[in-house]
N, C-alpha and C. Protein backbone atom coordinates (compact mmCIF):
# COMPACT_ATOMS: atom_id res chain seq x y z
N MET A 1 160.66 38.43 83.15
CA MET A 1 159.92 37.07 83.15
C MET A 1 160.45 36.09 81.79
N THR A 2 161.76 36.98 81.35
CA THR A 2 162.55 36.08 80.37
C THR A 2 163.80 35.38 80.90
N LYS A 3 164.26 36.22 82.30
CA LYS A 3 165.59 35.85 83.13
C LYS A 3 164.92 34.31 83.76
N ASP A 4 166.35 33.20 83.14
CA ASP A 4 166.15 32.16 83.84
C ASP A 4 167.00 32.13 84.89
N ASN A 5 167.97 32.67 85.34
CA ASN A 5 168.52 33.02 86.65
C ASN A 5 167.85 33.29 87.63
N LEU A 6 167.51 32.79 88.61
CA LEU A 6 166.54 33.06 89.55
C LEU A 6 166.94 34.44 90.49
N LYS A 7 168.20 34.56 90.61
CA LYS A 7 168.45 35.62 91.24
C LYS A 7 168.67 36.89 90.55
N ALA A 8 168.62 36.48 89.38
CA ALA A 8 168.34 38.00 88.17
C ALA A 8 166.96 38.37 88.23
N ARG A 9 165.93 36.79 88.33
CA ARG A 9 164.64 37.30 87.96
C ARG A 9 164.50 37.90 89.19
N LEU A 10 164.77 37.72 90.35
CA LEU A 10 164.33 38.27 91.72
C LEU A 10 164.70 39.67 91.84
N ALA A 11 165.77 40.04 91.43
CA ALA A 11 166.23 41.24 91.58
C ALA A 11 165.38 42.31 90.51
N TYR A 12 165.31 41.65 89.20
CA TYR A 12 164.37 42.78 88.27
C TYR A 12 162.64 42.89 89.22
N SER A 13 162.42 41.80 89.75
CA SER A 13 161.18 41.56 90.57
C SER A 13 161.39 42.95 91.49
N THR A 14 162.52 42.91 92.17
CA THR A 14 162.38 44.09 93.12
C THR A 14 162.20 45.43 92.64
N VAL A 15 162.92 45.75 91.54
CA VAL A 15 162.57 46.90 90.68
C VAL A 15 161.27 47.38 90.49
N SER A 16 160.18 46.55 89.94
CA SER A 16 158.84 46.45 90.08
C SER A 16 158.24 46.80 91.34
N GLN A 17 158.74 46.15 92.65
CA GLN A 17 158.17 46.24 93.81
C GLN A 17 158.44 47.65 94.17
N LEU A 18 159.55 48.00 93.94
CA LEU A 18 160.09 49.48 94.33
C LEU A 18 159.15 50.36 93.68
N GLY A 19 158.66 50.03 92.59
CA GLY A 19 157.81 51.08 91.82
C GLY A 19 156.34 51.21 92.61
N TYR A 20 155.77 50.43 93.13
CA TYR A 20 154.57 50.07 94.06
C TYR A 20 154.85 51.61 95.23
N ILE A 21 156.07 51.32 95.73
CA ILE A 21 156.19 51.88 96.85
C ILE A 21 156.47 53.67 96.11
N VAL A 22 156.87 53.95 95.17
CA VAL A 22 157.02 55.09 94.69
C VAL A 22 155.43 55.58 94.17
N LEU A 23 154.88 54.68 93.56
CA LEU A 23 153.47 54.69 93.57
C LEU A 23 152.78 55.40 94.58
N GLY A 24 152.81 54.72 95.62
CA GLY A 24 152.22 55.30 97.09
C GLY A 24 152.51 56.12 97.48
N ALA A 25 153.83 56.82 97.09
CA ALA A 25 154.44 58.27 97.40
C ALA A 25 153.75 59.41 96.56
N LEU A 26 154.08 59.01 95.21
CA LEU A 26 153.30 60.20 94.05
C LEU A 26 152.07 60.38 94.21
N LEU A 27 151.31 59.38 94.63
CA LEU A 27 149.79 59.63 94.83
C LEU A 27 149.26 60.51 95.82
N ALA A 28 150.45 60.76 96.54
CA ALA A 28 150.57 62.13 97.95
C ALA A 28 149.04 62.13 98.25
N THR A 29 148.27 60.78 98.82
CA THR A 29 147.64 60.91 99.62
C THR A 29 147.94 59.89 101.14
N GLU A 30 147.11 59.92 101.80
CA GLU A 30 146.98 59.50 103.17
C GLU A 30 147.08 57.93 102.79
N LEU A 31 146.33 57.43 102.24
CA LEU A 31 146.15 55.96 101.82
C LEU A 31 147.24 55.51 101.06
N GLY A 32 147.90 56.25 99.75
CA GLY A 32 149.03 56.17 99.11
C GLY A 32 150.29 55.95 100.10
N ILE A 33 150.42 56.88 100.89
CA ILE A 33 151.65 56.83 101.96
C ILE A 33 151.79 55.75 102.66
N LEU A 34 150.37 55.49 103.38
CA LEU A 34 150.49 54.17 103.97
C LEU A 34 150.81 53.04 103.31
N GLY A 35 150.09 52.92 102.33
CA GLY A 35 150.38 51.44 101.48
C GLY A 35 152.09 51.29 100.97
N GLY A 36 152.25 52.60 100.66
CA GLY A 36 153.61 52.59 100.17
C GLY A 36 154.74 52.26 101.24
N SER A 37 154.38 52.72 102.51
CA SER A 37 155.08 52.47 103.61
C SER A 37 154.79 51.11 104.15
N MET A 38 153.93 50.38 103.75
CA MET A 38 153.71 48.98 104.12
C MET A 38 154.49 48.28 103.52
N HIS A 39 154.19 48.70 102.50
CA HIS A 39 154.76 47.80 101.25
C HIS A 39 156.41 47.90 101.50
N ILE A 40 157.14 48.64 102.10
CA ILE A 40 158.61 48.70 102.15
C ILE A 40 158.79 47.40 103.20
N ALA A 41 157.88 47.18 104.19
CA ALA A 41 157.98 45.89 105.23
C ALA A 41 157.52 44.78 104.66
N THR A 42 156.29 44.82 104.03
CA THR A 42 155.82 43.50 103.29
C THR A 42 156.53 43.19 102.19
N HIS A 43 157.01 43.86 101.38
CA HIS A 43 158.14 43.17 100.49
C HIS A 43 159.28 42.83 101.04
N ALA A 44 159.92 43.47 101.71
CA ALA A 44 161.29 43.05 102.59
C ALA A 44 161.12 41.68 103.04
N VAL A 45 160.24 41.42 103.83
CA VAL A 45 159.81 40.19 104.48
C VAL A 45 159.70 38.92 103.19
N GLY A 46 159.00 39.49 102.52
CA GLY A 46 158.56 38.18 101.03
C GLY A 46 160.05 38.16 100.31
N LYS A 47 160.49 39.06 100.04
CA LYS A 47 161.77 38.98 99.16
C LYS A 47 162.88 38.56 99.82
N ILE A 48 163.16 38.79 100.95
CA ILE A 48 164.23 37.76 101.92
C ILE A 48 163.93 36.42 101.83
N THR A 49 162.72 36.18 101.94
CA THR A 49 162.12 34.70 101.84
C THR A 49 162.58 34.17 100.45
N LEU A 50 162.61 34.69 99.58
CA LEU A 50 162.59 34.38 98.08
C LEU A 50 164.12 34.34 97.85
N PHE A 51 164.85 35.10 98.40
CA PHE A 51 166.56 35.23 97.98
C PHE A 51 167.15 34.14 99.03
N PHE A 52 166.41 34.07 100.30
CA PHE A 52 167.24 32.79 101.27
C PHE A 52 166.83 31.28 100.66
N ALA A 53 165.56 31.23 100.17
CA ALA A 53 165.36 29.86 98.96
C ALA A 53 166.36 30.17 98.08
N ALA A 54 166.53 31.07 97.41
CA ALA A 54 167.37 30.73 95.84
C ALA A 54 168.92 30.63 96.09
N GLY A 55 169.25 31.10 97.58
CA GLY A 55 170.57 30.11 98.18
C GLY A 55 170.69 29.23 98.98
N ALA A 56 169.67 28.83 99.18
CA ALA A 56 169.74 27.15 99.68
C ALA A 56 169.43 26.44 98.44
N ILE A 57 168.89 26.80 97.26
CA ILE A 57 168.87 25.98 96.26
C ILE A 57 170.17 25.90 95.71
N MET A 58 170.82 26.70 95.72
CA MET A 58 172.46 27.11 95.32
C MET A 58 173.07 26.15 95.90
N VAL A 59 172.83 26.63 97.26
CA VAL A 59 173.84 25.36 98.36
C VAL A 59 173.50 24.22 98.13
N ALA A 60 172.17 23.44 98.25
CA ALA A 60 172.02 22.19 98.08
C ALA A 60 171.94 21.66 96.85
N ALA A 61 171.58 21.90 95.86
CA ALA A 61 171.59 21.74 94.74
C ALA A 61 172.48 21.77 93.59
N HIS A 62 172.90 23.02 93.62
CA HIS A 62 174.04 23.74 93.01
C HIS A 62 173.22 24.13 91.73
N LYS A 63 172.22 24.61 91.78
CA LYS A 63 171.42 25.03 90.49
C LYS A 63 170.82 26.55 90.74
N THR A 64 171.00 27.17 89.82
CA THR A 64 170.35 28.76 89.47
C THR A 64 169.52 29.15 88.43
N GLU A 65 169.64 28.30 87.78
CA GLU A 65 168.44 28.75 86.44
C GLU A 65 167.60 27.76 86.82
N VAL A 66 166.02 28.63 86.84
CA VAL A 66 164.92 28.49 86.92
C VAL A 66 164.57 26.94 85.83
N SER A 67 165.01 26.96 84.70
CA SER A 67 164.74 25.79 83.91
C SER A 67 165.48 24.31 84.34
N ASP A 68 166.14 24.49 85.44
CA ASP A 68 166.66 23.25 86.08
C ASP A 68 165.96 22.92 87.38
N PHE A 69 164.79 23.55 87.48
CA PHE A 69 164.07 23.40 89.06
C PHE A 69 163.05 22.62 88.72
N ASP A 70 162.67 21.60 87.47
CA ASP A 70 162.03 20.80 87.10
C ASP A 70 161.98 19.47 88.08
N GLY A 71 160.72 19.20 89.10
CA GLY A 71 160.99 17.89 90.03
C GLY A 71 161.67 18.48 91.51
N LEU A 72 162.50 19.41 91.34
CA LEU A 72 163.29 19.64 92.56
C LEU A 72 162.67 20.06 93.94
N GLY A 73 161.35 20.26 93.67
CA GLY A 73 160.46 20.56 94.92
C GLY A 73 160.06 19.22 95.68
N ARG A 74 160.35 18.03 95.20
CA ARG A 74 159.95 16.90 95.79
C ARG A 74 161.32 16.62 96.27
N ARG A 75 162.67 16.93 96.20
CA ARG A 75 163.89 16.62 96.96
C ARG A 75 163.99 17.78 98.12
N MET A 76 163.43 18.99 97.94
CA MET A 76 163.59 20.04 98.67
C MET A 76 162.21 20.95 99.15
N PRO A 77 161.42 20.12 99.59
CA PRO A 77 159.98 20.49 99.93
C PRO A 77 159.87 21.59 100.88
N MET A 78 160.78 21.63 101.79
CA MET A 78 160.41 22.65 102.73
C MET A 78 161.10 23.99 102.17
N THR A 79 162.07 24.18 101.47
CA THR A 79 162.71 25.11 100.64
C THR A 79 161.79 25.75 99.80
N PHE A 80 160.92 25.09 98.83
CA PHE A 80 160.03 25.37 98.19
C PHE A 80 158.94 25.99 98.55
N ALA A 81 158.32 25.43 99.63
CA ALA A 81 157.43 25.67 100.19
C ALA A 81 157.43 26.92 100.67
N ALA A 82 158.98 27.37 101.45
CA ALA A 82 159.15 28.83 101.71
C ALA A 82 159.39 29.58 100.79
N PHE A 83 159.89 29.30 99.58
CA PHE A 83 159.73 29.94 98.22
C PHE A 83 158.33 30.52 97.70
N THR A 84 157.31 29.49 97.99
CA THR A 84 155.87 29.74 97.53
C THR A 84 155.59 30.45 98.66
N ILE A 85 155.71 30.54 99.61
CA ILE A 85 155.04 31.60 100.97
C ILE A 85 155.60 32.84 100.58
N GLY A 86 156.63 33.24 100.04
CA GLY A 86 157.39 34.40 99.72
C GLY A 86 157.04 34.77 98.58
N ALA A 87 156.71 34.09 97.36
CA ALA A 87 156.02 34.31 96.17
C ALA A 87 154.52 34.79 96.48
N LEU A 88 153.97 34.05 97.12
CA LEU A 88 152.34 34.90 97.51
C LEU A 88 152.36 35.98 98.05
N SER A 89 152.98 36.10 98.97
CA SER A 89 153.40 37.26 99.66
C SER A 89 153.53 38.50 98.69
N ILE A 90 154.51 38.09 98.10
CA ILE A 90 154.90 39.33 96.88
C ILE A 90 153.65 39.93 95.79
N VAL A 91 152.97 38.48 95.38
CA VAL A 91 151.85 38.58 94.64
C VAL A 91 150.85 39.58 95.38
N GLY A 92 150.56 39.27 96.98
CA GLY A 92 149.98 39.96 97.23
C GLY A 92 148.17 38.95 97.68
N LEU A 93 148.48 37.81 97.63
CA LEU A 93 147.43 37.14 98.10
C LEU A 93 147.28 36.85 99.61
N PRO A 94 145.99 36.61 100.12
CA PRO A 94 145.81 36.13 101.43
C PRO A 94 146.22 34.70 101.64
N PRO A 95 146.72 34.13 102.71
CA PRO A 95 147.08 35.02 104.04
C PRO A 95 148.44 35.50 104.32
N PHE A 96 148.86 36.25 103.23
CA PHE A 96 150.27 36.76 103.42
C PHE A 96 150.37 38.13 103.45
N ALA A 97 151.36 39.03 104.15
CA ALA A 97 151.49 40.19 104.39
C ALA A 97 151.20 41.04 103.03
N GLY A 98 151.73 40.64 102.10
CA GLY A 98 151.79 41.49 100.73
C GLY A 98 150.57 42.25 100.49
N LEU A 99 149.29 41.37 101.02
CA LEU A 99 147.89 41.82 100.53
C LEU A 99 147.83 43.38 101.43
N TRP A 100 148.11 43.30 102.30
CA TRP A 100 147.75 44.65 103.00
C TRP A 100 148.00 45.90 102.25
N SER A 101 149.35 45.78 102.02
CA SER A 101 150.19 47.03 101.21
C SER A 101 149.36 47.20 99.98
N LYS A 102 149.45 46.12 99.23
CA LYS A 102 148.85 46.16 97.95
C LYS A 102 146.87 46.74 97.70
N TRP A 103 146.56 46.15 98.80
CA TRP A 103 145.25 46.42 99.24
C TRP A 103 144.80 48.31 99.25
N TYR A 104 145.84 48.88 100.46
CA TYR A 104 145.76 50.16 100.63
C TYR A 104 146.40 50.94 99.20
N LEU A 105 147.05 50.47 98.12
CA LEU A 105 147.67 51.14 97.40
C LEU A 105 146.67 51.07 95.93
N VAL A 106 145.79 49.89 95.99
CA VAL A 106 144.70 50.01 95.46
C VAL A 106 143.66 51.19 95.94
N LEU A 107 143.22 51.03 97.15
CA LEU A 107 142.32 52.21 97.25
C LEU A 107 143.13 53.60 96.98
N ALA A 108 143.96 53.71 97.01
CA ALA A 108 144.66 54.81 97.10
C ALA A 108 144.47 55.51 95.60
N THR A 109 144.61 54.52 94.76
CA THR A 109 144.52 54.96 93.30
C THR A 109 143.10 54.95 93.08
N ILE A 110 141.91 54.44 93.58
CA ILE A 110 140.77 54.88 93.45
C ILE A 110 140.37 56.05 93.97
N GLU A 111 141.00 56.17 95.42
CA GLU A 111 140.80 57.70 96.11
C GLU A 111 141.12 58.93 95.13
N ALA A 112 142.44 58.88 94.84
CA ALA A 112 142.94 59.60 93.76
C ALA A 112 142.28 59.87 92.49
N ASP A 113 141.63 58.79 92.17
CA ASP A 113 140.67 58.82 90.99
C ASP A 113 141.74 58.48 89.73
N ARG A 114 142.84 57.82 89.82
CA ARG A 114 143.63 57.45 89.00
C ARG A 114 143.34 56.05 88.48
N LEU A 115 142.70 55.66 87.47
CA LEU A 115 142.26 54.16 87.21
C LEU A 115 142.97 54.03 85.95
N LEU A 116 143.66 54.68 85.59
CA LEU A 116 144.84 54.18 84.67
C LEU A 116 145.75 53.60 85.52
N LEU A 117 146.26 54.22 86.61
CA LEU A 117 147.13 53.72 87.35
C LEU A 117 146.68 52.64 88.02
N LEU A 118 145.55 52.29 88.38
CA LEU A 118 145.05 51.26 89.10
C LEU A 118 145.18 50.37 87.95
N GLY A 119 144.88 50.17 86.94
CA GLY A 119 145.08 49.29 85.79
C GLY A 119 146.34 48.72 85.64
N VAL A 120 147.27 49.67 85.67
CA VAL A 120 148.54 49.35 85.53
C VAL A 120 149.00 48.55 86.51
N PHE A 121 148.76 49.14 87.97
CA PHE A 121 149.10 48.49 89.21
C PHE A 121 148.74 46.79 88.80
N ILE A 122 147.18 46.40 88.64
CA ILE A 122 146.40 45.41 88.68
C ILE A 122 147.45 44.36 87.90
N VAL A 123 147.50 44.86 86.29
CA VAL A 123 148.41 44.11 85.29
C VAL A 123 149.74 43.95 85.93
N SER A 124 150.20 44.48 86.70
CA SER A 124 151.83 44.52 87.20
C SER A 124 151.38 43.34 88.17
N SER A 125 150.54 43.27 89.07
CA SER A 125 150.28 42.36 90.16
C SER A 125 149.92 40.94 89.27
N LEU A 126 149.42 41.03 88.30
CA LEU A 126 149.07 39.81 87.58
C LEU A 126 150.59 39.02 87.07
N LEU A 127 151.26 40.06 86.48
CA LEU A 127 152.60 39.55 85.91
C LEU A 127 153.61 38.89 87.29
N ASN A 128 153.05 39.46 88.15
CA ASN A 128 153.95 38.94 89.67
C ASN A 128 153.62 37.26 89.40
N ILE A 129 152.40 36.94 89.21
CA ILE A 129 152.01 35.76 89.52
C ILE A 129 152.75 34.95 88.64
N ALA A 130 152.55 35.24 87.24
CA ALA A 130 153.34 34.49 86.12
C ALA A 130 155.06 34.76 86.46
N TYR A 131 155.70 35.25 86.63
CA TYR A 131 157.41 35.46 86.94
C TYR A 131 157.45 34.77 88.36
N LEU A 132 156.68 34.49 89.18
CA LEU A 132 157.16 33.69 90.43
C LEU A 132 156.34 32.60 90.35
N LEU A 133 155.00 32.53 90.37
CA LEU A 133 154.65 31.26 90.60
C LEU A 133 154.77 30.06 89.66
N VAL A 134 155.56 30.28 88.46
CA VAL A 134 155.80 29.02 87.62
C VAL A 134 157.21 28.68 88.14
N ILE A 135 157.75 29.23 89.36
CA ILE A 135 158.78 28.39 89.92
C ILE A 135 158.33 27.15 90.80
N PRO A 136 157.64 27.35 91.89
CA PRO A 136 157.06 26.39 92.64
C PRO A 136 156.17 25.37 91.90
N VAL A 137 155.90 25.88 90.84
CA VAL A 137 154.86 24.95 89.79
C VAL A 137 155.79 23.96 89.32
N ARG A 138 156.84 24.52 88.70
CA ARG A 138 157.85 23.78 88.06
C ARG A 138 158.83 22.71 89.13
N ALA A 139 158.99 23.14 90.08
CA ALA A 139 159.55 22.18 91.25
C ALA A 139 159.04 21.47 91.75
N PHE A 140 157.37 21.55 91.85
CA PHE A 140 156.60 20.52 92.39
C PHE A 140 155.63 19.79 91.35
N PHE A 141 155.32 20.31 90.15
CA PHE A 141 154.70 19.85 89.46
C PHE A 141 155.25 19.00 88.09
N LEU A 142 156.44 19.62 87.67
CA LEU A 142 156.65 19.23 86.34
C LEU A 142 158.23 18.50 86.58
N GLY A 143 158.36 17.42 85.60
CA GLY A 143 159.62 16.88 85.28
C GLY A 143 159.42 15.53 86.38
N THR A 144 160.58 14.98 86.26
CA THR A 144 160.69 13.54 87.24
C THR A 144 161.99 13.49 87.99
N ASP A 145 162.20 13.20 89.13
CA ASP A 145 163.30 13.00 89.95
C ASP A 145 164.09 12.44 89.16
N ASP A 146 165.16 12.81 88.49
CA ASP A 146 166.40 12.47 87.66
C ASP A 146 167.53 11.56 88.56
N GLY A 147 166.98 11.37 89.67
CA GLY A 147 168.01 10.60 90.68
C GLY A 147 169.34 10.94 90.67
N SER A 148 169.48 12.12 90.42
CA SER A 148 170.91 12.89 90.69
C SER A 148 171.34 12.46 92.11
N PRO A 149 172.36 12.24 92.60
CA PRO A 149 172.79 11.83 93.65
C PRO A 149 173.08 13.11 94.53
N GLY A 150 173.14 13.13 95.75
CA GLY A 150 173.36 14.15 96.82
C GLY A 150 172.44 15.47 96.98
N ILE A 151 171.55 15.65 95.89
CA ILE A 151 170.42 16.60 96.19
C ILE A 151 169.29 16.22 97.08
N LYS A 152 169.56 17.04 98.43
CA LYS A 152 168.57 16.59 99.11
C LYS A 152 168.10 18.04 99.96
N GLU A 153 167.84 18.21 100.81
CA GLU A 153 167.12 19.63 101.51
C GLU A 153 168.15 20.48 102.10
N ALA A 154 167.86 21.66 101.99
CA ALA A 154 168.91 22.90 102.33
C ALA A 154 169.12 22.32 103.43
N PRO A 155 170.59 22.90 104.21
CA PRO A 155 170.96 22.71 105.52
C PRO A 155 170.18 23.65 106.50
N ARG A 156 170.31 23.03 107.75
CA ARG A 156 169.33 23.37 108.72
C ARG A 156 169.33 24.88 108.74
N ALA A 157 170.32 25.66 109.05
CA ALA A 157 170.53 26.80 109.15
C ALA A 157 169.82 27.68 107.93
N CYS A 158 169.62 27.21 107.04
CA CYS A 158 169.24 27.94 105.53
C CYS A 158 167.37 27.51 106.28
N LEU A 159 167.12 26.45 106.65
CA LEU A 159 165.46 25.93 106.54
C LEU A 159 165.38 26.86 107.95
N ILE A 160 166.19 27.27 108.68
CA ILE A 160 165.39 28.24 110.02
C ILE A 160 165.39 29.51 109.67
N ALA A 161 166.10 30.33 108.80
CA ALA A 161 166.03 31.58 108.26
C ALA A 161 164.88 31.73 107.55
N MET A 162 164.68 30.65 106.58
CA MET A 162 163.57 30.70 105.71
C MET A 162 162.29 30.55 106.42
N GLY A 163 162.39 29.73 107.50
CA GLY A 163 161.03 29.71 108.31
C GLY A 163 161.03 31.11 109.29
N VAL A 164 161.95 31.57 109.63
CA VAL A 164 161.54 32.94 110.20
C VAL A 164 160.94 33.64 109.23
N THR A 165 161.57 34.06 108.09
CA THR A 165 161.12 35.05 107.45
C THR A 165 159.60 34.63 106.85
N SER A 166 159.12 33.28 106.46
CA SER A 166 158.09 32.66 106.27
C SER A 166 157.23 33.00 107.03
N ALA A 167 157.51 33.08 108.47
CA ALA A 167 156.50 33.07 109.28
C ALA A 167 155.83 34.67 109.46
N GLY A 168 156.94 35.43 109.07
CA GLY A 168 156.91 36.71 109.22
C GLY A 168 155.71 37.04 108.04
N CYS A 169 155.98 36.58 106.92
CA CYS A 169 154.83 36.54 105.96
C CYS A 169 153.59 36.49 106.33
N ILE A 170 153.23 35.40 107.00
CA ILE A 170 151.74 35.08 107.67
C ILE A 170 151.55 35.98 108.79
N ILE A 171 152.41 36.06 110.04
CA ILE A 171 152.30 37.08 111.08
C ILE A 171 151.95 38.46 110.63
N LEU A 172 152.56 39.31 109.41
CA LEU A 172 152.34 40.44 108.99
C LEU A 172 150.90 40.39 108.54
N PHE A 173 150.38 39.33 107.85
CA PHE A 173 149.06 39.43 107.82
C PHE A 173 148.07 39.02 108.69
N VAL A 174 148.11 38.48 109.63
CA VAL A 174 147.39 38.29 110.87
C VAL A 174 147.26 39.69 111.69
N TYR A 175 148.86 40.09 111.90
CA TYR A 175 148.55 41.24 113.00
C TYR A 175 149.43 42.27 112.18
N PRO A 176 148.42 42.90 111.15
CA PRO A 176 149.09 43.97 110.49
C PRO A 176 148.91 45.19 111.42
N ASP A 177 148.82 45.37 112.46
CA ASP A 177 148.38 46.79 113.50
C ASP A 177 149.97 47.19 113.52
N PHE A 178 150.88 46.41 113.52
CA PHE A 178 151.90 47.31 113.94
C PHE A 178 152.61 47.96 112.81
N LEU A 179 152.64 47.46 111.73
CA LEU A 179 152.71 48.29 110.38
C LEU A 179 151.68 49.22 109.89
N TYR A 180 150.59 48.69 110.23
CA TYR A 180 149.45 50.18 110.01
C TYR A 180 149.65 51.38 110.81
N ARG A 181 149.78 50.79 111.92
CA ARG A 181 150.73 52.18 113.29
C ARG A 181 152.15 53.09 112.69
N LEU A 182 152.70 52.04 112.44
CA LEU A 182 154.24 52.59 111.94
C LEU A 182 154.04 53.41 110.81
N ALA A 183 153.31 52.74 109.76
CA ALA A 183 152.99 53.85 108.22
C ALA A 183 152.39 54.76 108.54
N GLY A 184 151.53 54.81 109.51
CA GLY A 184 150.51 55.79 109.49
C GLY A 184 151.19 57.07 110.04
N MET A 185 152.13 56.73 110.97
CA MET A 185 153.33 57.90 111.72
C MET A 185 153.40 58.73 110.28
N VAL A 186 153.75 57.81 109.26
CA VAL A 186 154.59 58.68 108.28
C VAL A 186 153.12 59.17 107.35
N ALA A 187 152.29 58.74 107.42
CA ALA A 187 151.25 58.94 106.57
C ALA A 187 150.23 60.37 107.21
N GLY A 188 150.28 60.27 108.36
CA GLY A 188 149.27 61.35 109.15
C GLY A 188 149.96 62.27 109.93
């Protein structure tokens, strides 16, 4: 939460997300393995969206520090919309893919009667909100347009890549059966 550099913040976030996968494996229940296995895919699609957006921001605006993003969403609305979708998926909110893996991990901790782990998991997910969603809030709702010349939306190739991965965050929410069956092969 204290990292101002966007890529550093995303890298630290990856460490916490990998902890969820390990949690699922260590619970050693079918639901835990299912949730952890699904989280590999849901985290991947959400996090690559965030890293694509970070790269697009660097390319188009030459900014890497979160503290410099105030008002930038008004100049780069598609980039920050993609970032928001990726962040909401990582947080685990509907209608985004991350909900399913986190749902199964919550069920697994309850099934294993590990309520302390459930509490840690929920607090950690709430912290995801604090360190990820502050970025689009700053970009869309804080600051004013400073009139910096040359800052515009990311290049088309960046937008296409972010569009594909953002769509993946939604598609895997609507159609999770593929992931469920794939993870089920590991779990069962």
